[in-house]
PDB file of all heavy atoms in Angstrom:
ATOM      1  N   THR A   1       0.404 -25.053  23.235  1.00  0.00           N
ATOM      2  CA  THR A   1      -0.491 -25.947  23.962  1.00  0.00           C
ATOM      3  C   THR A   1      -0.370 -27.415  23.548  1.00  0.00           C
ATOM      4  O   THR A   1      -0.942 -28.281  24.216  1.00  0.00           O
ATOM      5  CB  THR A   1      -1.964 -25.508  23.774  1.00  0.00           C
ATOM      6  OG1 THR A   1      -2.263 -25.465  22.365  1.00  0.00           O
ATOM      7  CG2 THR A   1      -2.197 -24.140  24.389  1.00  0.00           C
ATOM      8  N   GLY A   2       0.343 -27.729  22.469  1.00  0.00           N
ATOM      9  CA  GLY A   2       0.463 -29.130  22.094  1.00  0.00           C
ATOM     10  C   GLY A   2       0.998 -29.351  20.695  1.00  0.00           C
ATOM     11  O   GLY A   2       1.191 -28.392  19.927  1.00  0.00           O
ATOM     12  N   ILE A   3       1.231 -30.622  20.371  1.00  0.00           N
ATOM     13  CA  ILE A   3       1.772 -31.028  19.075  1.00  0.00           C
ATOM     14  C   ILE A   3       0.629 -31.188  18.064  1.00  0.00           C
ATOM     15  O   ILE A   3      -0.404 -31.773  18.380  1.00  0.00           O
ATOM     16  CB  ILE A   3       2.581 -32.333  19.213  1.00  0.00           C
ATOM     17  CG1 ILE A   3       3.819 -32.077  20.064  1.00  0.00           C
ATOM     18  CG2 ILE A   3       2.988 -32.866  17.842  1.00  0.00           C
ATOM     19  CD1 ILE A   3       4.599 -33.322  20.422  1.00  0.00           C
ATOM     20  N   LEU A   4       0.852 -30.681  16.850  1.00  0.00           N
ATOM     21  CA  LEU A   4      -0.206 -30.637  15.831  1.00  0.00           C
ATOM     22  C   LEU A   4       0.078 -31.495  14.618  1.00  0.00           C
ATOM     23  O   LEU A   4      -0.844 -31.855  13.895  1.00  0.00           O
ATOM     24  CB  LEU A   4      -0.439 -29.195  15.392  1.00  0.00           C
ATOM     25  CG  LEU A   4      -0.747 -28.178  16.512  1.00  0.00           C
ATOM     26  CD1 LEU A   4      -0.833 -26.769  15.966  1.00  0.00           C
ATOM     27  CD2 LEU A   4      -2.053 -28.559  17.215  1.00  0.00           C
ATOM     28  N   LEU A   5       1.350 -31.815  14.349  1.00  0.00           N
ATOM     29  CA  LEU A   5       1.708 -32.565  13.149  1.00  0.00           C
ATOM     30  C   LEU A   5       2.529 -33.792  13.496  1.00  0.00           C
ATOM     31  O   LEU A   5       3.154 -33.854  14.570  1.00  0.00           O
ATOM     32  CB  LEU A   5       2.509 -31.676  12.186  1.00  0.00           C
ATOM     33  CG  LEU A   5       1.826 -30.415  11.657  1.00  0.00           C
ATOM     34  CD1 LEU A   5       2.785 -29.634  10.764  1.00  0.00           C
ATOM     35  CD2 LEU A   5       0.535 -30.763  10.892  1.00  0.00           C
ATOM     36  N   ASN A   6       2.542 -34.779  12.583  1.00  0.00           N
ATOM     37  CA  ASN A   6       3.357 -35.976  12.788  1.00  0.00           C
ATOM     38  C   ASN A   6       4.671 -35.851  12.035  1.00  0.00           C
ATOM     39  O   ASN A   6       4.918 -34.887  11.318  1.00  0.00           O
ATOM     40  CB  ASN A   6       2.588 -37.235  12.379  1.00  0.00           C
ATOM     41  CG  ASN A   6       2.155 -37.185  10.907  1.00  0.00           C
ATOM     42  OD1 ASN A   6       2.786 -36.535  10.071  1.00  0.00           O
ATOM     43  ND2 ASN A   6       1.074 -37.872  10.592  1.00  0.00           N
ATOM     44  N   ALA A   7       5.520 -36.895  12.155  1.00  0.00           N
ATOM     45  CA  ALA A   7       6.855 -36.850  11.543  1.00  0.00           C
ATOM     46  C   ALA A   7       6.784 -36.838  10.034  1.00  0.00           C
ATOM     47  O   ALA A   7       7.624 -36.220   9.372  1.00  0.00           O
ATOM     48  CB  ALA A   7       7.671 -38.033  12.032  1.00  0.00           C
ATOM     49  N   ALA A   8       5.788 -37.524   9.446  1.00  0.00           N
ATOM     50  CA  ALA A   8       5.683 -37.578   7.981  1.00  0.00           C
ATOM     51  C   ALA A   8       5.480 -36.195   7.385  1.00  0.00           C
ATOM     52  O   ALA A   8       6.002 -35.891   6.313  1.00  0.00           O
ATOM     53  CB  ALA A   8       4.537 -38.501   7.578  1.00  0.00           C
ATOM     54  N   VAL A   9       4.759 -35.351   8.083  1.00  0.00           N
ATOM     55  CA  VAL A   9       4.500 -33.992   7.609  1.00  0.00           C
ATOM     56  C   VAL A   9       5.567 -33.039   8.089  1.00  0.00           C
ATOM     57  O   VAL A   9       6.090 -32.214   7.316  1.00  0.00           O
ATOM     58  CB  VAL A   9       3.107 -33.519   8.074  1.00  0.00           C
ATOM     59  CG1 VAL A   9       2.868 -32.071   7.630  1.00  0.00           C
ATOM     60  CG2 VAL A   9       2.019 -34.423   7.533  1.00  0.00           C
ATOM     61  N   ALA A  10       5.939 -33.134   9.366  1.00  0.00           N
ATOM     62  CA  ALA A  10       6.836 -32.149   9.957  1.00  0.00           C
ATOM     63  C   ALA A  10       8.314 -32.463   9.731  1.00  0.00           C
ATOM     64  O   ALA A  10       9.138 -31.545   9.660  1.00  0.00           O
ATOM     65  CB  ALA A  10       6.572 -32.080  11.462  1.00  0.00           C
ATOM     66  N   GLY A  11       8.671 -33.737   9.596  1.00  0.00           N
ATOM     67  CA  GLY A  11      10.071 -34.135   9.612  1.00  0.00           C
ATOM     68  C   GLY A  11      10.413 -34.672  10.996  1.00  0.00           C
ATOM     69  O   GLY A  11       9.839 -34.237  12.000  1.00  0.00           O
ATOM     70  N   ASP A  12      11.358 -35.598  11.060  1.00  0.00           N
ATOM     71  CA  ASP A  12      11.651 -36.243  12.342  1.00  0.00           C
ATOM     72  C   ASP A  12      12.287 -35.295  13.360  1.00  0.00           C
ATOM     73  O   ASP A  12      11.951 -35.318  14.545  1.00  0.00           O
ATOM     74  CB  ASP A  12      12.531 -37.480  12.144  1.00  0.00           C
ATOM     75  CG  ASP A  12      13.760 -37.221  11.288  1.00  0.00           C
ATOM     76  OD1 ASP A  12      14.086 -36.049  11.038  1.00  0.00           O
ATOM     77  OD2 ASP A  12      14.390 -38.204  10.842  1.00  0.00           O
ATOM     78  N   GLU A  13      13.197 -34.427  12.910  1.00  0.00           N
ATOM     79  CA  GLU A  13      13.877 -33.554  13.871  1.00  0.00           C
ATOM     80  C   GLU A  13      12.949 -32.475  14.442  1.00  0.00           C
ATOM     81  O   GLU A  13      12.963 -32.260  15.667  1.00  0.00           O
ATOM     82  CB  GLU A  13      15.119 -32.933  13.212  1.00  0.00           C
ATOM     83  CG  GLU A  13      16.211 -33.974  12.987  1.00  0.00           C
ATOM     84  CD  GLU A  13      17.385 -33.436  12.172  1.00  0.00           C
ATOM     85  OE1 GLU A  13      17.262 -32.304  11.651  1.00  0.00           O
ATOM     86  OE2 GLU A  13      18.384 -34.144  12.054  1.00  0.00           O
ATOM     87  N   PRO A  14      12.133 -31.789  13.619  1.00  0.00           N
ATOM     88  CA  PRO A  14      11.193 -30.835  14.219  1.00  0.00           C
ATOM     89  C   PRO A  14      10.228 -31.483  15.203  1.00  0.00           C
ATOM     90  O   PRO A  14       9.905 -30.904  16.259  1.00  0.00           O
ATOM     91  CB  PRO A  14      10.452 -30.268  12.998  1.00  0.00           C
ATOM     92  CG  PRO A  14      11.428 -30.383  11.875  1.00  0.00           C
ATOM     93  CD  PRO A  14      12.145 -31.671  12.148  1.00  0.00           C
ATOM     94  N   LEU A  15       9.769 -32.710  14.901  1.00  0.00           N
ATOM     95  CA  LEU A  15       8.868 -33.386  15.829  1.00  0.00           C
ATOM     96  C   LEU A  15       9.575 -33.737  17.128  1.00  0.00           C
ATOM     97  O   LEU A  15       9.021 -33.587  18.213  1.00  0.00           O
ATOM     98  CB  LEU A  15       8.287 -34.640  15.190  1.00  0.00           C
ATOM     99  CG  LEU A  15       7.311 -35.437  16.070  1.00  0.00           C
ATOM    100  CD1 LEU A  15       6.113 -34.572  16.468  1.00  0.00           C
ATOM    101  CD2 LEU A  15       6.839 -36.703  15.365  1.00  0.00           C
ATOM    102  N   LEU A  16      10.818 -34.188  17.031  1.00  0.00           N
ATOM    103  CA  LEU A  16      11.595 -34.503  18.225  1.00  0.00           C
ATOM    104  C   LEU A  16      11.805 -33.261  19.080  1.00  0.00           C
ATOM    105  O   LEU A  16      11.680 -33.297  20.318  1.00  0.00           O
ATOM    106  CB  LEU A  16      12.944 -35.114  17.829  1.00  0.00           C
ATOM    107  CG  LEU A  16      13.919 -35.422  18.970  1.00  0.00           C
ATOM    108  CD1 LEU A  16      13.262 -36.303  20.046  1.00  0.00           C
ATOM    109  CD2 LEU A  16      15.180 -36.089  18.423  1.00  0.00           C
ATOM    110  N   ILE A  17      12.094 -32.133  18.444  1.00  0.00           N
ATOM    111  CA  ILE A  17      12.251 -30.869  19.169  1.00  0.00           C
ATOM    112  C   ILE A  17      10.953 -30.502  19.857  1.00  0.00           C
ATOM    113  O   ILE A  17      10.939 -30.114  21.031  1.00  0.00           O
ATOM    114  CB  ILE A  17      12.706 -29.755  18.202  1.00  0.00           C
ATOM    115  CG1 ILE A  17      14.137 -30.007  17.718  1.00  0.00           C
ATOM    116  CG2 ILE A  17      12.630 -28.377  18.890  1.00  0.00           C
ATOM    117  CD1 ILE A  17      14.578 -29.125  16.571  1.00  0.00           C
ATOM    118  N   ALA A  18       9.828 -30.635  19.128  1.00  0.00           N
ATOM    119  CA  ALA A  18       8.520 -30.275  19.697  1.00  0.00           C
ATOM    120  C   ALA A  18       8.194 -31.149  20.908  1.00  0.00           C
ATOM    121  O   ALA A  18       7.681 -30.664  21.922  1.00  0.00           O
ATOM    122  CB  ALA A  18       7.443 -30.418  18.627  1.00  0.00           C
ATOM    123  N   ARG A  19       8.486 -32.436  20.826  1.00  0.00           N
ATOM    124  CA  ARG A  19       8.196 -33.330  21.943  1.00  0.00           C
ATOM    125  C   ARG A  19       9.114 -33.058  23.131  1.00  0.00           C
ATOM    126  O   ARG A  19       8.746 -33.297  24.288  1.00  0.00           O
ATOM    127  CB  ARG A  19       8.333 -34.778  21.500  1.00  0.00           C
ATOM    128  CG  ARG A  19       7.219 -35.223  20.567  1.00  0.00           C
ATOM    129  CD  ARG A  19       7.172 -36.721  20.413  1.00  0.00           C
ATOM    130  NE  ARG A  19       5.989 -37.142  19.674  1.00  0.00           N
ATOM    131  CZ  ARG A  19       5.641 -38.412  19.482  1.00  0.00           C
ATOM    132  NH1 ARG A  19       6.393 -39.385  19.976  1.00  0.00           N
ATOM    133  NH2 ARG A  19       4.547 -38.708  18.804  1.00  0.00           N
ATOM    134  N   SER A  20      10.314 -32.583  22.852  1.00  0.00           N
ATOM    135  CA  SER A  20      11.266 -32.317  23.937  1.00  0.00           C
ATOM    136  C   SER A  20      11.031 -30.975  24.606  1.00  0.00           C
ATOM    137  O   SER A  20      11.536 -30.742  25.711  1.00  0.00           O
ATOM    138  CB  SER A  20      12.701 -32.346  23.374  1.00  0.00           C
ATOM    139  OG  SER A  20      12.991 -33.570  22.766  1.00  0.00           O
ATOM    140  N   LEU A  21      10.243 -30.089  23.944  1.00  0.00           N
ATOM    141  CA  LEU A  21      10.054 -28.724  24.454  1.00  0.00           C
ATOM    142  C   LEU A  21       8.568 -28.380  24.542  1.00  0.00           C
ATOM    143  O   LEU A  21       8.055 -27.582  23.749  1.00  0.00           O
ATOM    144  CB  LEU A  21      10.771 -27.730  23.528  1.00  0.00           C
ATOM    145  CG  LEU A  21      12.286 -27.825  23.442  1.00  0.00           C
ATOM    146  CD1 LEU A  21      12.817 -26.946  22.322  1.00  0.00           C
ATOM    147  CD2 LEU A  21      12.921 -27.436  24.776  1.00  0.00           C
ATOM    148  N   PRO A  22       7.856 -28.944  25.502  1.00  0.00           N
ATOM    149  CA  PRO A  22       6.439 -28.571  25.666  1.00  0.00           C
ATOM    150  C   PRO A  22       6.301 -27.072  25.899  1.00  0.00           C
ATOM    151  O   PRO A  22       7.060 -26.473  26.677  1.00  0.00           O
ATOM    152  CB  PRO A  22       6.018 -29.351  26.913  1.00  0.00           C
ATOM    153  CG  PRO A  22       7.011 -30.481  27.033  1.00  0.00           C
ATOM    154  CD  PRO A  22       8.304 -29.935  26.497  1.00  0.00           C
ATOM    155  N   GLY A  23       5.364 -26.459  25.211  1.00  0.00           N
ATOM    156  CA  GLY A  23       5.121 -25.029  25.377  1.00  0.00           C
ATOM    157  C   GLY A  23       5.930 -24.154  24.466  1.00  0.00           C
ATOM    158  O   GLY A  23       5.708 -22.926  24.427  1.00  0.00           O
ATOM    159  N   VAL A  24       6.865 -24.734  23.700  1.00  0.00           N
ATOM    160  CA  VAL A  24       7.673 -23.954  22.750  1.00  0.00           C
ATOM    161  C   VAL A  24       7.152 -24.201  21.341  1.00  0.00           C
ATOM    162  O   VAL A  24       7.186 -25.335  20.861  1.00  0.00           O
ATOM    163  CB  VAL A  24       9.165 -24.334  22.825  1.00  0.00           C
ATOM    164  CG1 VAL A  24       9.966 -23.610  21.744  1.00  0.00           C
ATOM    165  CG2 VAL A  24       9.723 -24.011  24.208  1.00  0.00           C
ATOM    166  N   PRO A  25       6.652 -23.192  20.650  1.00  0.00           N
ATOM    167  CA  PRO A  25       6.182 -23.384  19.263  1.00  0.00           C
ATOM    168  C   PRO A  25       7.325 -23.817  18.339  1.00  0.00           C
ATOM    169  O   PRO A  25       8.435 -23.299  18.423  1.00  0.00           O
ATOM    170  CB  PRO A  25       5.646 -21.998  18.872  1.00  0.00           C
ATOM    171  CG  PRO A  25       5.366 -21.321  20.165  1.00  0.00           C
ATOM    172  CD  PRO A  25       6.400 -21.822  21.129  1.00  0.00           C
ATOM    173  N   VAL A  26       7.030 -24.769  17.491  1.00  0.00           N
ATOM    174  CA  VAL A  26       7.974 -25.235  16.474  1.00  0.00           C
ATOM    175  C   VAL A  26       7.292 -25.116  15.123  1.00  0.00           C
ATOM    176  O   VAL A  26       6.198 -25.645  14.928  1.00  0.00           O
ATOM    177  CB  VAL A  26       8.415 -26.685  16.724  1.00  0.00           C
ATOM    178  CG1 VAL A  26       9.365 -27.163  15.619  1.00  0.00           C
ATOM    179  CG2 VAL A  26       9.081 -26.827  18.088  1.00  0.00           C
ATOM    180  N   LEU A  27       7.929 -24.394  14.187  1.00  0.00           N
ATOM    181  CA  LEU A  27       7.337 -24.151  12.887  1.00  0.00           C
ATOM    182  C   LEU A  27       8.326 -24.541  11.798  1.00  0.00           C
ATOM    183  O   LEU A  27       9.537 -24.391  11.954  1.00  0.00           O
ATOM    184  CB  LEU A  27       6.962 -22.677  12.703  1.00  0.00           C
ATOM    185  CG  LEU A  27       5.888 -22.082  13.617  1.00  0.00           C
ATOM    186  CD1 LEU A  27       6.492 -21.636  14.956  1.00  0.00           C
ATOM    187  CD2 LEU A  27       5.217 -20.896  12.963  1.00  0.00           C
ATOM    188  N   THR A  28       7.794 -25.059  10.682  1.00  0.00           N
ATOM    189  CA  THR A  28       8.635 -25.395   9.532  1.00  0.00           C
ATOM    190  C   THR A  28       8.094 -24.691   8.280  1.00  0.00           C
ATOM    191  O   THR A  28       6.937 -24.295   8.225  1.00  0.00           O
ATOM    192  CB  THR A  28       8.692 -26.905   9.279  1.00  0.00           C
ATOM    193  OG1 THR A  28       7.398 -27.364   8.860  1.00  0.00           O
ATOM    194  CG2 THR A  28       9.120 -27.665  10.509  1.00  0.00           C
ATOM    195  N   GLY A  29       8.956 -24.605   7.291  1.00  0.00           N
ATOM    196  CA  GLY A  29       8.579 -23.998   6.025  1.00  0.00           C
ATOM    197  C   GLY A  29       9.802 -23.632   5.226  1.00  0.00           C
ATOM    198  O   GLY A  29      10.886 -23.457   5.790  1.00  0.00           O
ATOM    199  N   PRO A  30       9.662 -23.513   3.902  1.00  0.00           N
ATOM    200  CA  PRO A  30      10.818 -23.218   3.050  1.00  0.00           C
ATOM    201  C   PRO A  30      11.400 -21.815   3.226  1.00  0.00           C
ATOM    202  O   PRO A  30      12.568 -21.604   2.962  1.00  0.00           O
ATOM    203  CB  PRO A  30      10.269 -23.430   1.652  1.00  0.00           C
ATOM    204  CG  PRO A  30       8.799 -23.213   1.763  1.00  0.00           C
ATOM    205  CD  PRO A  30       8.431 -23.701   3.132  1.00  0.00           C
ATOM    206  N   LYS A  31      10.559 -20.851   3.640  1.00  0.00           N
ATOM    207  CA  LYS A  31      11.018 -19.467   3.816  1.00  0.00           C
ATOM    208  C   LYS A  31      11.076 -19.140   5.303  1.00  0.00           C
ATOM    209  O   LYS A  31      10.053 -18.925   5.946  1.00  0.00           O
ATOM    210  CB  LYS A  31      10.103 -18.500   3.094  1.00  0.00           C
ATOM    211  CG  LYS A  31      10.123 -18.644   1.580  1.00  0.00           C
ATOM    212  CD  LYS A  31       9.273 -17.573   0.903  1.00  0.00           C
ATOM    213  CE  LYS A  31       9.336 -17.708  -0.608  1.00  0.00           C
ATOM    214  NZ  LYS A  31       8.502 -16.679  -1.299  1.00  0.00           N
ATOM    215  N   ARG A  32      12.283 -19.090   5.833  1.00  0.00           N
ATOM    216  CA  ARG A  32      12.430 -18.886   7.279  1.00  0.00           C
ATOM    217  C   ARG A  32      11.980 -17.502   7.717  1.00  0.00           C
ATOM    218  O   ARG A  32      11.555 -17.333   8.857  1.00  0.00           O
ATOM    219  CB  ARG A  32      13.886 -19.149   7.693  1.00  0.00           C
ATOM    220  CG  ARG A  32      14.331 -20.581   7.420  1.00  0.00           C
ATOM    221  CD  ARG A  32      15.790 -20.763   7.810  1.00  0.00           C
ATOM    222  NE  ARG A  32      16.397 -21.881   7.125  1.00  0.00           N
ATOM    223  CZ  ARG A  32      16.706 -23.034   7.700  1.00  0.00           C
ATOM    224  NH1 ARG A  32      16.415 -23.235   8.957  1.00  0.00           N
ATOM    225  NH2 ARG A  32      17.275 -24.005   7.003  1.00  0.00           N
ATOM    226  N   THR A  33      12.096 -16.540   6.841  1.00  0.00           N
ATOM    227  CA  THR A  33      11.601 -15.207   7.214  1.00  0.00           C
ATOM    228  C   THR A  33      10.093 -15.256   7.445  1.00  0.00           C
ATOM    229  O   THR A  33       9.581 -14.601   8.356  1.00  0.00           O
ATOM    230  CB  THR A  33      11.926 -14.180   6.115  1.00  0.00           C
ATOM    231  OG1 THR A  33      11.486 -14.677   4.836  1.00  0.00           O
ATOM    232  CG2 THR A  33      13.429 -13.913   6.053  1.00  0.00           C
ATOM    233  N   LEU A  34       9.392 -16.041   6.651  1.00  0.00           N
ATOM    234  CA  LEU A  34       7.952 -16.163   6.813  1.00  0.00           C
ATOM    235  C   LEU A  34       7.587 -16.959   8.060  1.00  0.00           C
ATOM    236  O   LEU A  34       6.705 -16.573   8.819  1.00  0.00           O
ATOM    237  CB  LEU A  34       7.330 -16.821   5.567  1.00  0.00           C
ATOM    238  CG  LEU A  34       5.808 -17.000   5.563  1.00  0.00           C
ATOM    239  CD1 LEU A  34       5.114 -15.643   5.736  1.00  0.00           C
ATOM    240  CD2 LEU A  34       5.366 -17.683   4.269  1.00  0.00           C
ATOM    241  N   THR A  35       8.271 -18.093   8.285  1.00  0.00           N
ATOM    242  CA  THR A  35       7.996 -18.868   9.481  1.00  0.00           C
ATOM    243  C   THR A  35       8.353 -18.098  10.745  1.00  0.00           C
ATOM    244  O   THR A  35       7.645 -18.144  11.753  1.00  0.00           O
ATOM    245  CB  THR A  35       8.754 -20.219   9.467  1.00  0.00           C
ATOM    246  OG1 THR A  35      10.144 -19.981   9.245  1.00  0.00           O
ATOM    247  CG2 THR A  35       8.219 -21.138   8.401  1.00  0.00           C
ATOM    248  N   GLY A  36       9.452 -17.344  10.664  1.00  0.00           N
ATOM    249  CA  GLY A  36       9.862 -16.526  11.818  1.00  0.00           C
ATOM    250  C   GLY A  36       8.847 -15.437  12.140  1.00  0.00           C
ATOM    251  O   GLY A  36       8.482 -15.223  13.306  1.00  0.00           O
ATOM    252  N   GLN A  37       8.376 -14.744  11.114  1.00  0.00           N
ATOM    253  CA  GLN A  37       7.406 -13.682  11.339  1.00  0.00           C
ATOM    254  C   GLN A  37       6.081 -14.246  11.853  1.00  0.00           C
ATOM    255  O   GLN A  37       5.410 -13.643  12.692  1.00  0.00           O
ATOM    256  CB  GLN A  37       7.181 -12.899  10.042  1.00  0.00           C
ATOM    257  CG  GLN A  37       6.435 -11.590  10.236  1.00  0.00           C
ATOM    258  CD  GLN A  37       7.165 -10.632  11.175  1.00  0.00           C
ATOM    259  OE1 GLN A  37       8.357 -10.342  10.982  1.00  0.00           O
ATOM    260  NE2 GLN A  37       6.478 -10.170  12.213  1.00  0.00           N
ATOM    261  N   THR A  38       5.725 -15.444  11.367  1.00  0.00           N
ATOM    262  CA  THR A  38       4.495 -16.096  11.859  1.00  0.00           C
ATOM    263  C   THR A  38       4.611 -16.431  13.336  1.00  0.00           C
ATOM    264  O   THR A  38       3.655 -16.255  14.106  1.00  0.00           O
ATOM    265  CB  THR A  38       4.216 -17.379  11.045  1.00  0.00           C
ATOM    266  OG1 THR A  38       4.074 -17.045   9.673  1.00  0.00           O
ATOM    267  CG2 THR A  38       2.955 -18.055  11.538  1.00  0.00           C
ATOM    268  N   ALA A  39       5.795 -16.908  13.754  1.00  0.00           N
ATOM    269  CA  ALA A  39       5.998 -17.232  15.170  1.00  0.00           C
ATOM    270  C   ALA A  39       5.869 -15.983  16.033  1.00  0.00           C
ATOM    271  O   ALA A  39       5.298 -16.025  17.141  1.00  0.00           O
ATOM    272  CB  ALA A  39       7.382 -17.866  15.357  1.00  0.00           C
TER     273      ALA A  39
END
């Protein structure tokens, strides 16, 4: 439904992806298995 974090927290590339893909969840984190399962 929308963007929740800014570039300082999310990183510039994840934020750019989020802005380019409305409706597509974008998640970050050090453990991709955890971020993937959360998605």
